N, C-alpha and C. Protein backbone atom coordinates (compact mmCIF):
# COMPACT_ATOMS: atom_id res chain seq x y z
N MET A 1 34.42 10.94 -46.93
CA MET A 1 34.00 10.52 -45.62
C MET A 1 32.71 11.26 -45.29
N ARG A 2 31.69 10.52 -44.94
CA ARG A 2 30.42 11.11 -44.58
C ARG A 2 30.45 11.56 -43.13
N HIS A 3 29.83 12.68 -42.88
CA HIS A 3 29.76 13.21 -41.53
C HIS A 3 28.45 12.75 -40.91
N HIS A 4 28.51 12.05 -39.81
CA HIS A 4 27.33 11.51 -39.15
C HIS A 4 26.98 12.25 -37.87
N GLY A 5 27.60 13.39 -37.63
CA GLY A 5 27.29 14.14 -36.43
C GLY A 5 27.91 13.58 -35.17
N LYS A 6 28.80 12.62 -35.30
CA LYS A 6 29.41 12.00 -34.13
C LYS A 6 30.74 12.64 -33.76
N THR A 7 31.43 13.19 -34.72
CA THR A 7 32.76 13.74 -34.50
C THR A 7 32.83 15.12 -35.13
N PRO A 8 33.44 16.08 -34.45
CA PRO A 8 33.60 17.40 -35.07
C PRO A 8 34.36 17.29 -36.39
N THR A 9 33.97 18.10 -37.35
CA THR A 9 34.57 18.06 -38.68
C THR A 9 36.09 18.25 -38.63
N SER A 10 36.58 19.18 -37.82
CA SER A 10 38.02 19.43 -37.76
C SER A 10 38.77 18.18 -37.27
N THR A 11 38.18 17.45 -36.33
CA THR A 11 38.81 16.22 -35.83
C THR A 11 38.85 15.15 -36.92
N THR A 12 37.77 15.05 -37.69
CA THR A 12 37.70 14.08 -38.78
C THR A 12 38.78 14.37 -39.81
N TYR A 13 38.89 15.62 -40.23
CA TYR A 13 39.89 15.97 -41.24
C TYR A 13 41.32 15.85 -40.73
N SER A 14 41.52 16.12 -39.45
CA SER A 14 42.86 15.92 -38.87
C SER A 14 43.24 14.45 -38.91
N ALA A 15 42.28 13.59 -38.58
CA ALA A 15 42.54 12.14 -38.61
C ALA A 15 42.79 11.67 -40.04
N LEU A 16 42.01 12.16 -41.00
CA LEU A 16 42.22 11.79 -42.41
C LEU A 16 43.60 12.22 -42.89
N LYS A 17 43.99 13.43 -42.53
CA LYS A 17 45.31 13.94 -42.94
C LYS A 17 46.43 13.08 -42.37
N LYS A 18 46.30 12.72 -41.09
CA LYS A 18 47.33 11.89 -40.46
C LYS A 18 47.40 10.51 -41.11
N LEU A 19 46.25 9.90 -41.36
CA LEU A 19 46.23 8.58 -42.01
C LEU A 19 46.80 8.64 -43.42
N ALA A 20 46.54 9.73 -44.14
CA ALA A 20 47.10 9.90 -45.48
C ALA A 20 48.61 10.07 -45.42
N THR A 21 49.08 10.82 -44.45
CA THR A 21 50.52 11.03 -44.27
C THR A 21 51.24 9.72 -43.96
N GLN A 22 50.57 8.86 -43.19
CA GLN A 22 51.16 7.57 -42.80
C GLN A 22 51.02 6.51 -43.90
N GLY A 23 50.33 6.85 -45.00
CA GLY A 23 50.21 5.92 -46.11
C GLY A 23 49.03 4.97 -46.04
N HIS A 24 48.11 5.22 -45.11
CA HIS A 24 46.95 4.35 -44.98
C HIS A 24 45.82 4.76 -45.90
N LEU A 25 45.81 6.05 -46.32
CA LEU A 25 44.77 6.57 -47.20
C LEU A 25 45.39 7.17 -48.44
N ILE A 26 44.61 7.17 -49.51
CA ILE A 26 44.98 7.84 -50.74
C ILE A 26 43.99 8.98 -50.93
N LYS A 27 44.48 10.19 -51.17
CA LYS A 27 43.57 11.32 -51.40
C LYS A 27 43.62 11.70 -52.86
N GLU A 28 42.50 11.52 -53.51
CA GLU A 28 42.33 11.98 -54.89
C GLU A 28 41.19 12.98 -54.84
N ALA A 29 40.09 12.71 -55.52
CA ALA A 29 38.91 13.57 -55.38
C ALA A 29 38.26 13.32 -54.02
N THR A 30 38.38 12.08 -53.54
CA THR A 30 37.91 11.70 -52.21
C THR A 30 39.02 10.88 -51.56
N TYR A 31 38.79 10.43 -50.35
CA TYR A 31 39.77 9.58 -49.68
C TYR A 31 39.44 8.12 -49.95
N ALA A 32 40.46 7.30 -50.12
CA ALA A 32 40.29 5.86 -50.29
C ALA A 32 41.30 5.16 -49.39
N ILE A 33 40.90 4.04 -48.82
CA ILE A 33 41.79 3.29 -47.95
C ILE A 33 42.70 2.43 -48.81
N GLU A 34 43.99 2.55 -48.60
CA GLU A 34 45.01 1.86 -49.39
C GLU A 34 45.00 0.35 -49.17
N ASP A 35 44.96 -0.08 -47.94
CA ASP A 35 45.09 -1.49 -47.58
C ASP A 35 43.70 -2.12 -47.41
N PRO A 36 43.37 -3.15 -48.20
CA PRO A 36 42.04 -3.75 -48.08
C PRO A 36 41.78 -4.40 -46.72
N PHE A 37 42.81 -4.90 -46.06
CA PHE A 37 42.63 -5.49 -44.73
C PHE A 37 42.35 -4.41 -43.69
N PHE A 38 43.00 -3.26 -43.82
CA PHE A 38 42.74 -2.13 -42.93
C PHE A 38 41.30 -1.66 -43.14
N GLU A 39 40.85 -1.62 -44.38
CA GLU A 39 39.48 -1.22 -44.68
C GLU A 39 38.48 -2.18 -44.03
N MET A 40 38.73 -3.48 -44.12
CA MET A 40 37.85 -4.47 -43.50
C MET A 40 37.81 -4.27 -41.99
N TRP A 41 38.96 -3.99 -41.38
CA TRP A 41 39.03 -3.76 -39.94
C TRP A 41 38.24 -2.52 -39.55
N ILE A 42 38.41 -1.44 -40.31
CA ILE A 42 37.68 -0.20 -40.04
C ILE A 42 36.18 -0.44 -40.13
N ARG A 43 35.75 -1.10 -41.19
CA ARG A 43 34.31 -1.36 -41.37
C ARG A 43 33.75 -2.28 -40.29
N SER A 44 34.53 -3.21 -39.80
CA SER A 44 34.05 -4.14 -38.77
C SER A 44 33.88 -3.45 -37.42
N ARG A 45 34.52 -2.31 -37.23
CA ARG A 45 34.47 -1.60 -35.94
C ARG A 45 33.35 -0.57 -35.89
N ARG A 46 32.56 -0.44 -36.93
CA ARG A 46 31.47 0.55 -36.96
C ARG A 46 30.36 0.16 -36.08
């Protein structure tokens, strides 16, 4: 996840951890979105 200066880093990582715990993200070397439809929704809201 790239940091764009919009959200504090701790908030970003807390959100990533929660999404990974809920099964929405996969954490390997980086984070990846599990569900392609969820990814499309996230990208459309940028």
